[in-house]
Amino acid sequence: MATNTKTLKLTFLNGEKKKNSITLADAVDNLTEDQVRGAMNTIASANVFEKDGVAYYKTPVSASYVERTVTDVFNDNAKKADTKAAE
């Protein structure tokens, strides 16, 4: 069985010009560039994510939807869940 997931990955530069990302599961599917850029600017300007004096999400760089398909070859955990559901 295959399962598909879609996430929204927000990439920022931190205060030391290194990349940091936030990945959001179940994000709205059809956001515009202006909507996402605005949200990222709000995160950056809040300046609440910091470690050792370095702001983690200082400058918005990019945003991407990431789609992932997982196809099980086998999954014993799924079989156990199906058995418990049938009881």
Protein backbone atom coordinates (compact mmCIF):
# COMPACT_ATOMS: atom_id res chain seq x y z
CA MET A 1 0.00 0.00 0.00
CA ALA A 2 1.26 3.48 -0.86
CA THR A 3 0.75 6.57 1.26
CA ASN A 4 1.23 10.11 0.03
CA THR A 5 2.09 13.10 2.16
CA LYS A 6 2.57 16.75 1.29
CA THR A 7 4.43 19.23 3.48
CA LEU A 8 5.42 22.86 3.19
CA LYS A 9 9.12 23.49 3.80
CA LEU A 10 10.13 27.04 4.79
CA THR A 11 13.84 27.80 4.53
CA PHE A 12 15.52 30.72 6.28
CA LEU A 13 19.05 31.99 6.84
CA ASN A 14 19.96 32.30 10.49
CA GLY A 15 22.02 35.09 12.04
CA GLU A 16 25.21 33.33 10.92
CA LYS A 17 24.02 32.94 7.29
CA LYS A 18 23.39 29.19 7.68
CA LYS A 19 20.16 27.56 6.47
CA ASN A 20 17.45 26.44 8.88
CA SER A 21 14.08 25.03 7.89
CA ILE A 22 10.61 24.62 9.29
CA THR A 23 8.52 21.80 7.82
CA LEU A 24 4.76 22.03 8.17
CA ALA A 25 2.60 18.94 7.79
CA ASP A 26 -0.95 19.29 6.46
CA ALA A 27 -0.32 22.79 5.12
CA VAL A 28 -2.94 24.41 2.93
CA ASP A 29 -2.33 23.21 -0.61
CA ASN A 30 -2.64 26.34 -2.74
CA LEU A 31 -0.93 29.17 -0.88
CA THR A 32 0.42 32.03 -2.97
CA GLU A 33 3.94 33.38 -2.85
CA ASP A 34 2.68 36.55 -1.15
CA GLN A 35 0.86 34.56 1.55
CA VAL A 36 3.85 32.36 2.32
CA ARG A 37 6.39 35.17 2.12
CA GLY A 38 4.21 37.25 4.47
CA ALA A 39 4.01 34.40 6.99
CA MET A 40 7.76 33.86 6.78
CA ASN A 41 8.41 37.57 7.32
CA THR A 42 6.16 37.45 10.39
CA ILE A 43 8.16 34.51 11.77
CA ALA A 44 11.43 36.31 11.07
CA SER A 45 10.34 39.60 12.61
CA ALA A 46 9.00 37.88 15.76
CA ASN A 47 12.60 36.88 16.54
CA VAL A 48 11.49 34.28 19.10
CA PHE A 49 13.57 31.34 17.88
CA GLU A 50 17.10 31.79 19.13
CA LYS A 51 19.91 29.69 20.52
CA ASP A 52 23.16 30.96 21.99
CA GLY A 53 22.34 34.48 20.79
CA VAL A 54 21.82 33.44 17.15
CA ALA A 55 18.40 34.01 15.55
CA TYR A 56 17.34 30.76 13.84
CA TYR A 57 14.88 32.19 11.31
CA LYS A 58 16.24 35.61 10.41
CA THR A 59 15.90 35.91 6.62
CA PRO A 60 13.34 34.07 4.46
CA VAL A 61 15.04 32.30 1.54
CA SER A 62 12.59 29.86 -0.04
CA ALA A 63 9.39 27.88 0.37
CA SER A 64 8.54 24.58 -1.30
CA TYR A 65 5.80 22.00 -1.24
CA VAL A 66 7.40 18.58 -0.78
CA GLU A 67 5.44 15.52 -1.87
CA ARG A 68 6.43 12.10 -0.62
CA THR A 69 5.14 8.65 -1.56
CA VAL A 70 5.92 5.68 0.68
CA THR A 71 5.22 2.21 -0.65
CA ASP A 72 5.55 -0.61 1.86
CA VAL A 73 7.30 -3.77 0.78
CA PHE A 74 6.04 -5.23 4.04
CA ASN A 75 4.81 -3.77 7.30
CA ASP A 76 4.22 -6.11 10.22
CA ASN A 77 2.92 -3.21 12.33
CA ALA A 78 0.08 -2.62 9.86
CA LYS A 79 -0.91 -6.29 10.06
CA LYS A 80 -1.04 -6.08 13.86
CA ALA A 81 -3.21 -2.96 13.69
CA ASP A 82 -5.58 -4.67 11.22
CA THR A 83 -5.86 -7.72 13.50
CA LYS A 84 -6.66 -5.58 16.55
CA ALA A 85 -9.28 -3.62 14.60
CA ALA A 86 -10.98 -6.84 13.53
CA GLU A 87 -11.28 -8.11 17.14
